[in-house]
Amino acid sequence: MILAIILICCLPAGMILLVFFAIGSAGAKTFRKGKRAYADFKPYINNLSDQVAKAQEKGMSFSDRGQKLAENVQEIQGRWAFITESVNEIMNSPAARVADMAGRFASKRS
């Protein structure tokens, strides 16, 4: 009878303790393996963050170069517009008209 009472009372408590121990040991193994994996991958993670920082820096540099190129193109367009306007003014000036008429007159004389 005492054996039956001990088995009925202690067996469930022992099983519960065994389950808690199994869960704890599995958690500890998972923690250790995770810690090792993190230690293995840490150099790659640090290297990746450095590479991302370099990529961002290169992207910003490329963006700055593109902006400067756009500014230079706009400046060239402005200068070209000034040149074409100056040429048109020169071609329409009275001196140019007189020179044109003189050239025509000289070509007809020859």
PDB file of N, CA and C in Angstrom:
ATOM      1  N   MET A   1       0.817  -1.185   0.000  1.00  0.00           N
ATOM      2  CA  MET A   1       0.000   0.000   0.000  1.00  0.00           C
ATOM      3  C   MET A   1       0.873   1.266   0.000  1.00  0.00           C
ATOM      4  N   ILE A   2       1.917   1.276   0.794  1.00  0.00           N
ATOM      5  CA  ILE A   2       2.808   2.425   0.844  1.00  0.00           C
ATOM      6  C   ILE A   2       3.490   2.595  -0.521  1.00  0.00           C
ATOM      7  N   LEU A   3       3.851   1.515  -1.135  1.00  0.00           N
ATOM      8  CA  LEU A   3       4.473   1.572  -2.454  1.00  0.00           C
ATOM      9  C   LEU A   3       3.518   2.156  -3.485  1.00  0.00           C
ATOM     10  N   ALA A   4       2.261   1.780  -3.402  1.00  0.00           N
ATOM     11  CA  ALA A   4       1.260   2.310  -4.337  1.00  0.00           C
ATOM     12  C   ALA A   4       1.072   3.809  -4.133  1.00  0.00           C
ATOM     13  N   ILE A   5       1.043   4.258  -2.891  1.00  0.00           N
ATOM     14  CA  ILE A   5       0.883   5.688  -2.610  1.00  0.00           C
ATOM     15  C   ILE A   5       2.113   6.457  -3.117  1.00  0.00           C
ATOM     16  N   ILE A   6       3.285   5.924  -2.894  1.00  0.00           N
ATOM     17  CA  ILE A   6       4.511   6.592  -3.357  1.00  0.00           C
ATOM     18  C   ILE A   6       4.511   6.673  -4.884  1.00  0.00           C
ATOM     19  N   LEU A   7       4.147   5.592  -5.555  1.00  0.00           N
ATOM     20  CA  LEU A   7       4.118   5.603  -7.023  1.00  0.00           C
ATOM     21  C   LEU A   7       3.048   6.553  -7.562  1.00  0.00           C
ATOM     22  N   ILE A   8       1.894   6.592  -6.911  1.00  0.00           N
ATOM     23  CA  ILE A   8       0.811   7.465  -7.378  1.00  0.00           C
ATOM     24  C   ILE A   8       1.163   8.936  -7.145  1.00  0.00           C
ATOM     25  N   CYS A   9       1.824   9.259  -6.036  1.00  0.00           N
ATOM     26  CA  CYS A   9       2.135  10.661  -5.720  1.00  0.00           C
ATOM     27  C   CYS A   9       3.463  11.102  -6.326  1.00  0.00           C
ATOM     28  N   CYS A  10       4.479  10.262  -6.248  1.00  0.00           N
ATOM     29  CA  CYS A  10       5.824  10.664  -6.664  1.00  0.00           C
ATOM     30  C   CYS A  10       6.064  10.506  -8.167  1.00  0.00           C
ATOM     31  N   LEU A  11       5.428   9.543  -8.788  1.00  0.00           N
ATOM     32  CA  LEU A  11       5.640   9.334 -10.219  1.00  0.00           C
ATOM     33  C   LEU A  11       5.213  10.540 -11.052  1.00  0.00           C
ATOM     34  N   PRO A  12       4.043  11.132 -10.830  1.00  0.00           N
ATOM     35  CA  PRO A  12       3.696  12.331 -11.610  1.00  0.00           C
ATOM     36  C   PRO A  12       4.637  13.507 -11.319  1.00  0.00           C
ATOM     37  N   ALA A  13       5.010  13.684 -10.063  1.00  0.00           N
ATOM     38  CA  ALA A  13       5.924  14.771  -9.730  1.00  0.00           C
ATOM     39  C   ALA A  13       7.282  14.541 -10.390  1.00  0.00           C
ATOM     40  N   GLY A  14       7.739  13.302 -10.386  1.00  0.00           N
ATOM     41  CA  GLY A  14       9.006  12.967 -11.048  1.00  0.00           C
ATOM     42  C   GLY A  14       8.938  13.187 -12.549  1.00  0.00           C
ATOM     43  N   MET A  15       7.801  12.839 -13.135  1.00  0.00           N
ATOM     44  CA  MET A  15       7.633  13.043 -14.580  1.00  0.00           C
ATOM     45  C   MET A  15       7.636  14.539 -14.915  1.00  0.00           C
ATOM     46  N   ILE A  16       6.966  15.317 -14.081  1.00  0.00           N
ATOM     47  CA  ILE A  16       6.931  16.768 -14.310  1.00  0.00           C
ATOM     48  C   ILE A  16       8.341  17.344 -14.193  1.00  0.00           C
ATOM     49  N   LEU A  17       9.103  16.918 -13.168  1.00  0.00           N
ATOM     50  CA  LEU A  17      10.479  17.383 -13.024  1.00  0.00           C
ATOM     51  C   LEU A  17      11.341  16.941 -14.212  1.00  0.00           C
ATOM     52  N   LEU A  18      11.128  15.726 -14.694  1.00  0.00           N
ATOM     53  CA  LEU A  18      11.871  15.221 -15.851  1.00  0.00           C
ATOM     54  C   LEU A  18      11.575  16.052 -17.105  1.00  0.00           C
ATOM     55  N   VAL A  19      10.309  16.428 -17.296  1.00  0.00           N
ATOM     56  CA  VAL A  19       9.939  17.260 -18.450  1.00  0.00           C
ATOM     57  C   VAL A  19      10.582  18.640 -18.326  1.00  0.00           C
ATOM     58  N   PHE A  20      10.549  19.239 -17.126  1.00  0.00           N
ATOM     59  CA  PHE A  20      11.184  20.548 -16.934  1.00  0.00           C
ATOM     60  C   PHE A  20      12.688  20.471 -17.193  1.00  0.00           C
ATOM     61  N   PHE A  21      13.322  19.398 -16.727  1.00  0.00           N
ATOM     62  CA  PHE A  21      14.748  19.213 -16.955  1.00  0.00           C
ATOM     63  C   PHE A  21      15.044  19.067 -18.455  1.00  0.00           C
ATOM     64  N   ALA A  22      14.222  18.313 -19.156  1.00  0.00           N
ATOM     65  CA  ALA A  22      14.424  18.125 -20.599  1.00  0.00           C
ATOM     66  C   ALA A  22      14.267  19.457 -21.348  1.00  0.00           C
ATOM     67  N   ILE A  23      13.254  20.233 -20.958  1.00  0.00           N
ATOM     68  CA  ILE A  23      13.053  21.541 -21.599  1.00  0.00           C
ATOM     69  C   ILE A  23      14.228  22.457 -21.298  1.00  0.00           C
ATOM     70  N   GLY A  24      14.702  22.481 -20.075  1.00  0.00           N
ATOM     71  CA  GLY A  24      15.838  23.317 -19.690  1.00  0.00           C
ATOM     72  C   GLY A  24      17.115  22.918 -20.407  1.00  0.00           C
ATOM     73  N   SER A  25      17.378  21.622 -20.518  1.00  0.00           N
ATOM     74  CA  SER A  25      18.604  21.188 -21.199  1.00  0.00           C
ATOM     75  C   SER A  25      18.527  21.494 -22.699  1.00  0.00           C
ATOM     76  N   ALA A  26      17.356  21.343 -23.300  1.00  0.00           N
ATOM     77  CA  ALA A  26      17.211  21.696 -24.719  1.00  0.00           C
ATOM     78  C   ALA A  26      17.415  23.196 -24.923  1.00  0.00           C
ATOM     79  N   GLY A  27      16.887  23.998 -24.017  1.00  0.00           N
ATOM     80  CA  GLY A  27      17.089  25.447 -24.108  1.00  0.00           C
ATOM     81  C   GLY A  27      18.549  25.817 -23.946  1.00  0.00           C
ATOM     82  N   ALA A  28      19.241  25.157 -23.022  1.00  0.00           N
ATOM     83  CA  ALA A  28      20.661  25.437 -22.805  1.00  0.00           C
ATOM     84  C   ALA A  28      21.483  25.061 -24.041  1.00  0.00           C
ATOM     85  N   LYS A  29      21.177  23.915 -24.657  1.00  0.00           N
ATOM     86  CA  LYS A  29      21.889  23.503 -25.874  1.00  0.00           C
ATOM     87  C   LYS A  29      21.638  24.494 -27.005  1.00  0.00           C
ATOM     88  N   THR A  30      20.390  24.920 -27.131  1.00  0.00           N
ATOM     89  CA  THR A  30      20.051  25.897 -28.175  1.00  0.00           C
ATOM     90  C   THR A  30      20.786  27.213 -27.937  1.00  0.00           C
ATOM     91  N   PHE A  31      20.862  27.646 -26.697  1.00  0.00           N
ATOM     92  CA  PHE A  31      21.569  28.881 -26.364  1.00  0.00           C
ATOM     93  C   PHE A  31      23.050  28.760 -26.698  1.00  0.00           C
ATOM     94  N   ARG A  32      23.680  27.642 -26.323  1.00  0.00           N
ATOM     95  CA  ARG A  32      25.103  27.457 -26.612  1.00  0.00           C
ATOM     96  C   ARG A  32      25.373  27.431 -28.116  1.00  0.00           C
ATOM     97  N   LYS A  33      24.536  26.710 -28.858  1.00  0.00           N
ATOM     98  CA  LYS A  33      24.733  26.649 -30.314  1.00  0.00           C
ATOM     99  C   LYS A  33      24.493  28.016 -30.957  1.00  0.00           C
ATOM    100  N   GLY A  34      23.522  28.733 -30.460  1.00  0.00           N
ATOM    101  CA  GLY A  34      23.277  30.082 -30.978  1.00  0.00           C
ATOM    102  C   GLY A  34      24.435  31.009 -30.687  1.00  0.00           C
ATOM    103  N   LYS A  35      25.003  30.874 -29.500  1.00  0.00           N
ATOM    104  CA  LYS A  35      26.145  31.704 -29.119  1.00  0.00           C
ATOM    105  C   LYS A  35      27.345  31.399 -30.021  1.00  0.00           C
ATOM    106  N   ARG A  36      27.576  30.107 -30.296  1.00  0.00           N
ATOM    107  CA  ARG A  36      28.673  29.730 -31.192  1.00  0.00           C
ATOM    108  C   ARG A  36      28.425  30.230 -32.617  1.00  0.00           C
ATOM    109  N   ALA A  37      27.202  30.090 -33.081  1.00  0.00           N
ATOM    110  CA  ALA A  37      26.874  30.553 -34.437  1.00  0.00           C
ATOM    111  C   ALA A  37      27.055  32.056 -34.545  1.00  0.00           C
ATOM    112  N   TYR A  38      26.648  32.785 -33.526  1.00  0.00           N
ATOM    113  CA  TYR A  38      26.824  34.236 -33.530  1.00  0.00           C
ATOM    114  C   TYR A  38      28.310  34.590 -33.551  1.00  0.00           C
ATOM    115  N   ALA A  39      29.115  33.866 -32.770  1.00  0.00           N
ATOM    116  CA  ALA A  39      30.558  34.127 -32.763  1.00  0.00           C
ATOM    117  C   ALA A  39      31.164  33.825 -34.130  1.00  0.00           C
ATOM    118  N   ASP A  40      30.646  32.784 -34.810  1.00  0.00           N
ATOM    119  CA  ASP A  40      31.157  32.448 -36.139  1.00  0.00           C
ATOM    120  C   ASP A  40      30.770  33.500 -37.174  1.00  0.00           C
ATOM    121  N   PHE A  41      29.562  34.024 -37.076  1.00  0.00           N
ATOM    122  CA  PHE A  41      29.066  34.951 -38.080  1.00  0.00           C
ATOM    123  C   PHE A  41      29.364  36.423 -37.771  1.00  0.00           C
ATOM    124  N   LYS A  42      29.850  36.707 -36.572  1.00  0.00           N
ATOM    125  CA  LYS A  42      30.088  38.098 -36.183  1.00  0.00           C
ATOM    126  C   LYS A  42      31.051  38.818 -37.122  1.00  0.00           C
ATOM    127  N   PRO A  43      32.183  38.221 -37.541  1.00  0.00           N
ATOM    128  CA  PRO A  43      33.062  38.934 -38.493  1.00  0.00           C
ATOM    129  C   PRO A  43      32.350  39.248 -39.811  1.00  0.00           C
ATOM    130  N   TYR A  44      31.529  38.319 -40.275  1.00  0.00           N
ATOM    131  CA  TYR A  44      30.809  38.562 -41.534  1.00  0.00           C
ATOM    132  C   TYR A  44      29.785  39.682 -41.364  1.00  0.00           C
ATOM    133  N   ILE A  45      29.147  39.702 -40.218  1.00  0.00           N
ATOM    134  CA  ILE A  45      28.141  40.749 -39.955  1.00  0.00           C
ATOM    135  C   ILE A  45      28.822  42.112 -39.867  1.00  0.00           C
ATOM    136  N   ASN A  46      29.953  42.181 -39.163  1.00  0.00           N
ATOM    137  CA  ASN A  46      30.687  43.443 -39.059  1.00  0.00           C
ATOM    138  C   ASN A  46      31.196  43.888 -40.425  1.00  0.00           C
ATOM    139  N   ASN A  47      31.712  42.929 -41.206  1.00  0.00           N
ATOM    140  CA  ASN A  47      32.193  43.231 -42.543  1.00  0.00           C
ATOM    141  C   ASN A  47      31.042  43.708 -43.420  1.00  0.00           C
ATOM    142  N   LEU A  48      29.880  43.108 -43.261  1.00  0.00           N
ATOM    143  CA  LEU A  48      28.718  43.504 -44.045  1.00  0.00           C
ATOM    144  C   LEU A  48      28.302  44.937 -43.716  1.00  0.00           C
ATOM    145  N   SER A  49      28.323  45.284 -42.435  1.00  0.00           N
ATOM    146  CA  SER A  49      27.953  46.657 -42.066  1.00  0.00           C
ATOM    147  C   SER A  49      28.977  47.655 -42.607  1.00  0.00           C
ATOM    148  N   ASP A  50      30.255  47.292 -42.630  1.00  0.00           N
ATOM    149  CA  ASP A  50      31.270  48.169 -43.222  1.00  0.00           C
ATOM    150  C   ASP A  50      31.039  48.324 -44.719  1.00  0.00           C
ATOM    151  N   GLN A  51      30.701  47.219 -45.377  1.00  0.00           N
ATOM    152  CA  GLN A  51      30.452  47.285 -46.819  1.00  0.00           C
ATOM    153  C   GLN A  51      29.214  48.114 -47.126  1.00  0.00           C
ATOM    154  N   VAL A  52      28.198  48.023 -46.285  1.00  0.00           N
ATOM    155  CA  VAL A  52      26.997  48.839 -46.484  1.00  0.00           C
ATOM    156  C   VAL A  52      27.338  50.318 -46.316  1.00  0.00           C
ATOM    157  N   ALA A  53      28.155  50.633 -45.332  1.00  0.00           N
ATOM    158  CA  ALA A  53      28.563  52.028 -45.131  1.00  0.00           C
ATOM    159  C   ALA A  53      29.355  52.535 -46.332  1.00  0.00           C
ATOM    160  N   LYS A  54      30.249  51.699 -46.871  1.00  0.00           N
ATOM    161  CA  LYS A  54      31.019  52.097 -48.053  1.00  0.00           C
ATOM    162  C   LYS A  54      30.103  52.275 -49.261  1.00  0.00           C
ATOM    163  N   ALA A  55      29.129  51.388 -49.404  1.00  0.00           N
ATOM    164  CA  ALA A  55      28.192  51.496 -50.531  1.00  0.00           C
ATOM    165  C   ALA A  55      27.368  52.774 -50.431  1.00  0.00           C
ATOM    166  N   GLN A  56      26.944  53.123 -49.225  1.00  0.00           N
ATOM    167  CA  GLN A  56      26.200  54.368 -49.041  1.00  0.00           C
ATOM    168  C   GLN A  56      27.082  55.569 -49.379  1.00  0.00           C
ATOM    169  N   GLU A  57      28.336  55.515 -48.953  1.00  0.00           N
ATOM    170  CA  GLU A  57      29.260  56.611 -49.239  1.00  0.00           C
ATOM    171  C   GLU A  57      29.487  56.748 -50.746  1.00  0.00           C
ATOM    172  N   LYS A  58      29.647  55.607 -51.434  1.00  0.00           N
ATOM    173  CA  LYS A  58      29.834  55.657 -52.880  1.00  0.00           C
ATOM    174  C   LYS A  58      28.581  56.167 -53.576  1.00  0.00           C
ATOM    175  N   GLY A  59      27.426  55.771 -53.083  1.00  0.00           N
ATOM    176  CA  GLY A  59      26.172  56.260 -53.657  1.00  0.00           C
ATOM    177  C   GLY A  59      26.035  57.760 -53.502  1.00  0.00           C
ATOM    178  N   MET A  60      26.392  58.275 -52.340  1.00  0.00           N
ATOM    179  CA  MET A  60      26.333  59.720 -52.119  1.00  0.00           C
ATOM    180  C   MET A  60      27.352  60.438 -53.012  1.00  0.00           C
ATOM    181  N   SER A  61      28.534  59.851 -53.154  1.00  0.00           N
ATOM    182  CA  SER A  61      29.552  60.441 -54.025  1.00  0.00           C
ATOM    183  C   SER A  61      29.062  60.461 -55.467  1.00  0.00           C
ATOM    184  N   PHE A  62      28.448  59.371 -55.898  1.00  0.00           N
ATOM    185  CA  PHE A  62      27.909  59.299 -57.263  1.00  0.00           C
ATOM    186  C   PHE A  62      26.811  60.330 -57.454  1.00  0.00           C
ATOM    187  N   SER A  63      25.977  60.486 -56.448  1.00  0.00           N
ATOM    188  CA  SER A  63      24.903  61.482 -56.514  1.00  0.00           C
ATOM    189  C   SER A  63      25.485  62.892 -56.606  1.00  0.00           C
ATOM    190  N   ASP A  64      26.517  63.169 -55.825  1.00  0.00           N
ATOM    191  CA  ASP A  64      27.160  64.490 -55.873  1.00  0.00           C
ATOM    192  C   ASP A  64      27.778  64.740 -57.249  1.00  0.00           C
ATOM    193  N   ARG A  65      28.411  63.714 -57.798  1.00  0.00           N
ATOM    194  CA  ARG A  65      29.003  63.867 -59.129  1.00  0.00           C
ATOM    195  C   ARG A  65      27.921  64.127 -60.179  1.00  0.00           C
ATOM    196  N   GLY A  66      26.816  63.417 -60.081  1.00  0.00           N
ATOM    197  CA  GLY A  66      25.711  63.634 -61.012  1.00  0.00           C
ATOM    198  C   GLY A  66      25.160  65.048 -60.907  1.00  0.00           C
ATOM    199  N   GLN A  67      25.056  65.537 -59.671  1.00  0.00           N
ATOM    200  CA  GLN A  67      24.564  66.907 -59.460  1.00  0.00           C
ATOM    201  C   GLN A  67      25.532  67.920 -60.066  1.00  0.00           C
ATOM    202  N   LYS A  68      26.823  67.713 -59.855  1.00  0.00           N
ATOM    203  CA  LYS A  68      27.822  68.628 -60.423  1.00  0.00           C
ATOM    204  C   LYS A  68      27.805  68.566 -61.949  1.00  0.00           C
ATOM    205  N   LEU A  69      27.633  67.364 -62.500  1.00  0.00           N
ATOM    206  CA  LEU A  69      27.557  67.218 -63.948  1.00  0.00           C
ATOM    207  C   LEU A  69      26.342  67.949 -64.502  1.00  0.00           C
ATOM    208  N   ALA A  70      25.209  67.834 -63.816  1.00  0.00           N
ATOM    209  CA  ALA A  70      23.998  68.542 -64.252  1.00  0.00           C
ATOM    210  C   ALA A  70      24.214  70.048 -64.203  1.00  0.00           C
ATOM    211  N   GLU A  71      24.880  70.538 -63.169  1.00  0.00           N
ATOM    212  CA  GLU A  71      25.173  71.968 -63.081  1.00  0.00           C
ATOM    213  C   GLU A  71      26.086  72.411 -64.219  1.00  0.00           C
ATOM    214  N   ASN A  72      27.103  71.581 -64.543  1.00  0.00           N
ATOM    215  CA  ASN A  72      28.007  71.922 -65.635  1.00  0.00           C
ATOM    216  C   ASN A  72      27.272  71.940 -66.972  1.00  0.00           C
ATOM    217  N   VAL A  73      26.370  70.988 -67.179  1.00  0.00           N
ATOM    218  CA  VAL A  73      25.599  70.952 -68.422  1.00  0.00           C
ATOM    219  C   VAL A  73      24.717  72.190 -68.526  1.00  0.00           C
ATOM    220  N   GLN A  74      24.106  72.586 -67.433  1.00  0.00           N
ATOM    221  CA  GLN A  74      23.285  73.796 -67.452  1.00  0.00           C
ATOM    222  C   GLN A  74      24.140  75.031 -67.742  1.00  0.00           C
ATOM    223  N   GLU A  75      25.338  75.075 -67.180  1.00  0.00           N
ATOM    224  CA  GLU A  75      26.230  76.204 -67.446  1.00  0.00           C
ATOM    225  C   GLU A  75      26.638  76.230 -68.915  1.00  0.00           C
ATOM    226  N   ILE A  76      26.933  75.049 -69.474  1.00  0.00           N
ATOM    227  CA  ILE A  76      27.299  74.972 -70.890  1.00  0.00           C
ATOM    228  C   ILE A  76      26.125  75.402 -71.766  1.00  0.00           C
ATOM    229  N   GLN A  77      24.912  75.012 -71.403  1.00  0.00           N
ATOM    230  CA  GLN A  77      23.732  75.424 -72.158  1.00  0.00           C
ATOM    231  C   GLN A  77      23.567  76.938 -72.116  1.00  0.00           C
ATOM    232  N   GLY A  78      23.784  77.516 -70.951  1.00  0.00           N
ATOM    233  CA  GLY A  78      23.691  78.972 -70.826  1.00  0.00           C
ATOM    234  C   GLY A  78      24.730  79.678 -71.676  1.00  0.00           C
ATOM    235  N   ARG A  79      25.943  79.161 -71.671  1.00  0.00           N
ATOM    236  CA  ARG A  79      27.005  79.767 -72.481  1.00  0.00           C
ATOM    237  C   ARG A  79      26.712  79.603 -73.972  1.00  0.00           C
ATOM    238  N   TRP A  80      26.205  78.433 -74.343  1.00  0.00           N
ATOM    239  CA  TRP A  80      25.877  78.194 -75.749  1.00  0.00           C
ATOM    240  C   TRP A  80      24.755  79.143 -76.195  1.00  0.00           C
ATOM    241  N   ALA A  81      23.770  79.343 -75.346  1.00  0.00           N
ATOM    242  CA  ALA A  81      22.690  80.274 -75.673  1.00  0.00           C
ATOM    243  C   ALA A  81      23.249  81.680 -75.844  1.00  0.00           C
ATOM    244  N   PHE A  82      24.198  82.060 -74.988  1.00  0.00           N
ATOM    245  CA  PHE A  82      24.831  83.373 -75.109  1.00  0.00           C
ATOM    246  C   PHE A  82      25.595  83.481 -76.422  1.00  0.00           C
ATOM    247  N   ILE A  83      26.300  82.423 -76.792  1.00  0.00           N
ATOM    248  CA  ILE A  83      27.093  82.438 -78.033  1.00  0.00           C
ATOM    249  C   ILE A  83      26.167  82.558 -79.243  1.00  0.00           C
ATOM    250  N   THR A  84      25.101  81.753 -79.275  1.00  0.00           N
ATOM    251  CA  THR A  84      24.183  81.819 -80.419  1.00  0.00           C
ATOM    252  C   THR A  84      23.493  83.179 -80.491  1.00  0.00           C
ATOM    253  N   GLU A  85      23.152  83.736 -79.345  1.00  0.00           N
ATOM    254  CA  GLU A  85      22.536  85.066 -79.329  1.00  0.00           C
ATOM    255  C   GLU A  85      23.520  86.115 -79.832  1.00  0.00           C
ATOM    256  N   SER A  86      24.777  85.995 -79.423  1.00  0.00           N
ATOM    257  CA  SER A  86      25.801  86.941 -79.889  1.00  0.00           C
ATOM    258  C   SER A  86      26.013  86.820 -81.397  1.00  0.00           C
ATOM    259  N   VAL A  87      26.045  85.590 -81.893  1.00  0.00           N
ATOM    260  CA  VAL A  87      26.231  85.383 -83.333  1.00  0.00           C
ATOM    261  C   VAL A  87      25.045  85.966 -84.102  1.00  0.00           C
ATOM    262  N   ASN A  88      23.827  85.745 -83.607  1.00  0.00           N
ATOM    263  CA  ASN A  88      22.647  86.311 -84.265  1.00  0.00           C
ATOM    264  C   ASN A  88      22.691  87.837 -84.261  1.00  0.00           C
ATOM    265  N   GLU A  89      23.109  88.422 -83.165  1.00  0.00           N
ATOM    266  CA  GLU A  89      23.223  89.878 -83.103  1.00  0.00           C
ATOM    267  C   GLU A  89      24.269  90.385 -84.087  1.00  0.00           C
ATOM    268  N   ILE A  90      25.387  89.672 -84.172  1.00  0.00           N
ATOM    269  CA  ILE A  90      26.454  90.084 -85.090  1.00  0.00           C
ATOM    270  C   ILE A  90      25.968  89.967 -86.533  1.00  0.00           C
ATOM    271  N   MET A  91      25.250  88.882 -86.834  1.00  0.00           N
ATOM    272  CA  MET A  91      24.767  88.683 -88.200  1.00  0.00           C
ATOM    273  C   MET A  91      23.703  89.710 -88.578  1.00  0.00           C
ATOM    274  N   ASN A  92      22.949  90.195 -87.628  1.00  0.00           N
ATOM    275  CA  ASN A  92      21.901  91.165 -87.914  1.00  0.00           C
ATOM    276  C   ASN A  92      22.346  92.615 -87.707  1.00  0.00           C
ATOM    277  N   SER A  93      23.600  92.832 -87.383  1.00  0.00           N
ATOM    278  CA  SER A  93      24.070  94.200 -87.133  1.00  0.00           C
ATOM    279  C   SER A  93      24.226  94.948 -88.460  1.00  0.00           C
ATOM    280  N   PRO A  94      24.139  96.264 -88.417  1.00  0.00           N
ATOM    281  CA  PRO A  94      24.299  97.051 -89.645  1.00  0.00           C
ATOM    282  C   PRO A  94      25.668  96.861 -90.299  1.00  0.00           C
ATOM    283  N   ALA A  95      26.706  96.689 -89.501  1.00  0.00           N
ATOM    284  CA  ALA A  95      28.046  96.501 -90.068  1.00  0.00           C
ATOM    285  C   ALA A  95      28.108  95.198 -90.860  1.00  0.00           C
ATOM    286  N   ALA A  96      27.457  94.149 -90.343  1.00  0.00           N
ATOM    287  CA  ALA A  96      27.444  92.877 -91.055  1.00  0.00           C
ATOM    288  C   ALA A  96      26.657  92.986 -92.344  1.00  0.00           C
ATOM    289  N   ARG A  97      25.571  93.753 -92.337  1.00  0.00           N
ATOM    290  CA  ARG A  97      24.784  93.941 -93.554  1.00  0.00           C
ATOM    291  C   ARG A  97      25.592  94.710 -94.609  1.00  0.00           C
ATOM    292  N   VAL A  98      26.309  95.731 -94.143  1.00  0.00           N
ATOM    293  CA  VAL A  98      27.140  96.500 -95.074  1.00  0.00           C
ATOM    294  C   VAL A  98      28.232  95.614 -95.649  1.00  0.00           C
ATOM    295  N   ALA A  99      28.867  94.794 -94.809  1.00  0.00           N
ATOM    296  CA  ALA A  99      29.916  93.893 -95.285  1.00  0.00           C
ATOM    297  C   ALA A  99      29.341  92.879 -96.262  1.00  0.00           C
ATOM    298  N   ASP A 100      28.122  92.414 -96.016  1.00  0.00           N
ATOM    299  CA  ASP A 100      27.477  91.464 -96.923  1.00  0.00           C
ATOM    300  C   ASP A 100      27.227  92.123 -98.275  1.00  0.00           C
ATOM    301  N   MET A 101      26.703  93.347 -98.248  1.00  0.00           N
ATOM    302  CA  MET A 101      26.452  94.056 -99.507  1.00  0.00           C
ATOM    303  C   MET A 101      27.768  94.335-100.236  1.00  0.00           C
ATOM    304  N   ALA A 102      28.805  94.678 -99.507  1.00  0.00           N
ATOM    305  CA  ALA A 102      30.102  94.916-100.136  1.00  0.00           C
ATOM    306  C   ALA A 102      30.647  93.643-100.777  1.00  0.00           C
ATOM    307  N   GLY A 103      30.454  92.539-100.104  1.00  0.00           N
ATOM    308  CA  GLY A 103      30.894  91.259-100.655  1.00  0.00           C
ATOM    309  C   GLY A 103      30.138  90.923-101.929  1.00  0.00           C
ATOM    310  N   ARG A 104      28.843  91.146-101.930  1.00  0.00           N
ATOM    311  CA  ARG A 104      28.048  90.875-103.142  1.00  0.00           C
ATOM    312  C   ARG A 104      28.498  91.805-104.293  1.00  0.00           C
ATOM    313  N   PHE A 105      28.707  93.059-103.964  1.00  0.00           N
ATOM    314  CA  PHE A 105      29.119  94.022-104.971  1.00  0.00           C
ATOM    315  C   PHE A 105      30.482  93.648-105.549  1.00  0.00           C
ATOM    316  N   ALA A 106      31.409  93.219-104.640  1.00  0.00           N
ATOM    317  CA  ALA A 106      32.737  92.860-105.089  1.00  0.00           C
ATOM    318  C   ALA A 106      32.686  91.586-105.948  1.00  0.00           C
ATOM    319  N   SER A 107      31.793  90.658-105.620  1.00  0.00           N
ATOM    320  CA  SER A 107      31.708  89.418-106.396  1.00  0.00           C
ATOM    321  C   SER A 107      31.112  89.681-107.780  1.00  0.00           C
ATOM    322  N   LYS A 108      30.214  90.667-107.882  1.00  0.00           N
ATOM    323  CA  LYS A 108      29.626  90.991-109.177  1.00  0.00           C
ATOM    324  C   LYS A 108      30.626  91.715-110.070  1.00  0.00           C
ATOM    325  N   ARG A 109      31.535  92.447-109.496  1.00  0.00           N
ATOM    326  CA  ARG A 109      32.542  93.188-110.283  1.00  0.00           C
ATOM    327  C   ARG A 109      33.557  92.256-110.905  1.00  0.00           C
ATOM    328  N   SER A 110      33.856  91.152-110.275  1.00  0.00           N
ATOM    329  CA  SER A 110      34.913  90.288-110.783  1.00  0.00           C
ATOM    330  C   SER A 110      34.525  89.513-111.988  1.00  0.00           C
TER     331      SER A 110
END
